[in-house]
Amino acid sequence: MFLKELKLIANDKFALLLVFILPGMIMGTMYLAINEGSTIGMSNIDPSKNADAIIVGLVDIDTTDTFPGEDLSANFSWYLQNSPDFIVTMYETEQEALEALYFGNVDVYAVLSYGFEGNITNDIPTFVDIHISSTDFDSMGEVSSKFSRVVQDFRYDHGWIKGEIATENYAEFQPPGASSLSATFGVFMIVFAVFIAVSATAAQAIVGDIPLNRMLLTPATKMEAILAKLFGYFIVGMLQAQFLLVLWMVLFQIDLWHQYLNLNIILALMSLSGAGLGLLISTVVQTRLQANQSFLFLLFGSTIIGTGFMDVGLLDDYFPLNLGRIMMVDIAFKNIEITEFIGDMYLILAMTIAFVLISWAIFVKKRTLA
């Protein structure tokens, strides 16, 4: 029965294509976004700038003249222009800069308002208005930190530090060769893809399986049928896990080969629990359409509760996807021994057994499959 399931899965070329191609497309898209970007860091604009330099429009409308020897607003503009983090385009009016932002010619624009030099000279708080498109989520966080570095250099060179403390951020618990985005999102993507993809394919495993109806006329039991399907989809999940894990480490040059076995243990648990949850869905629903709709509910529900962006209470302690995500991050990034998670692994196995037993209890009451 197990070999029969593997043959049926192998014959469904379209499902297998989706299992591997969709996560691969997401991983490839992330690679292109990180390494190329859209309007950020185009080397053909200015090769002297950093790869992630931000294109900024600058409007200097300050006419105050209270500092002897130099125009401070023009001097601050020079600091921005010579920063490797910014590619500066000067505009005469704020309307011109707004139009440039609207048409995507700049990522952000800044305005040095009237009184810039006078306020600095008289030790009055000075503000620079920074305008960012509300649809450009990438630039929002980058501009603030990079602009602050230019301000710190400007103040330091002019002796206006007055004992202030400057900060510098260091990323800890990051694998060698990885950027913060490729590491954190990549781990979540692998765990999520393995768990959800196996659940999605297994959700169609029992409902509407006409050959299974005939097989159950033989001495084969329904528990044997469930276990055969469970391990069949588990194998598919592990193949997908190898594909994504190796692709992630090679594509983003993340050196986690010393944790390869441990990461595979976690992904094996994700594949097994995902197959168990998919089988449960397949026994609860009555039609293939209901199975598809249940998968969409599972997909969006898991996206909400499994990302770690919000407190979901007890689900973080019991839902396999959440446990797997936490274990992958701690093992990959913090080098925590896998033996520290024995309790969590037992819990995932217990949840999988519960999925299987509930599926079997529902399945034995069904006389025919839809």
Foldseek 3Di string as FASTA:
>chain_A
DLVVLLVVVVVPVVLLCCLAVVLVVVLVVVLCCVQQNDPAQDCVVPVQADSGAFEEEEEEPEDDDDDPDDDLSVVLVVLQCPHSRYPYDYDHDPVVRVVCCVVVVGQKYKYQDYCQVVCVVVVHDGDIDIGGDPVPPVVPVVVVVSVVVSVVVSCVVVVNCVPPDDDDDDDALAFPQADPCLGLVLLLSLLLSLLLSLLLVLLQVFFPPVVVLVVCVPPDDPLNSLVSQLVSSLVSSLVSSVSSVVCSCVSRVGPPPVCVVVLSVLSSLSSNLSNLNSLLNNLVDQHVVSSNVVSVVVSVVCVVPQSPPDDPDCCCVQPSSNLSSVLSSCCRRVVDDPVVCPVVSVSSVVSSVVSSVSSSVSNVPDNDHD
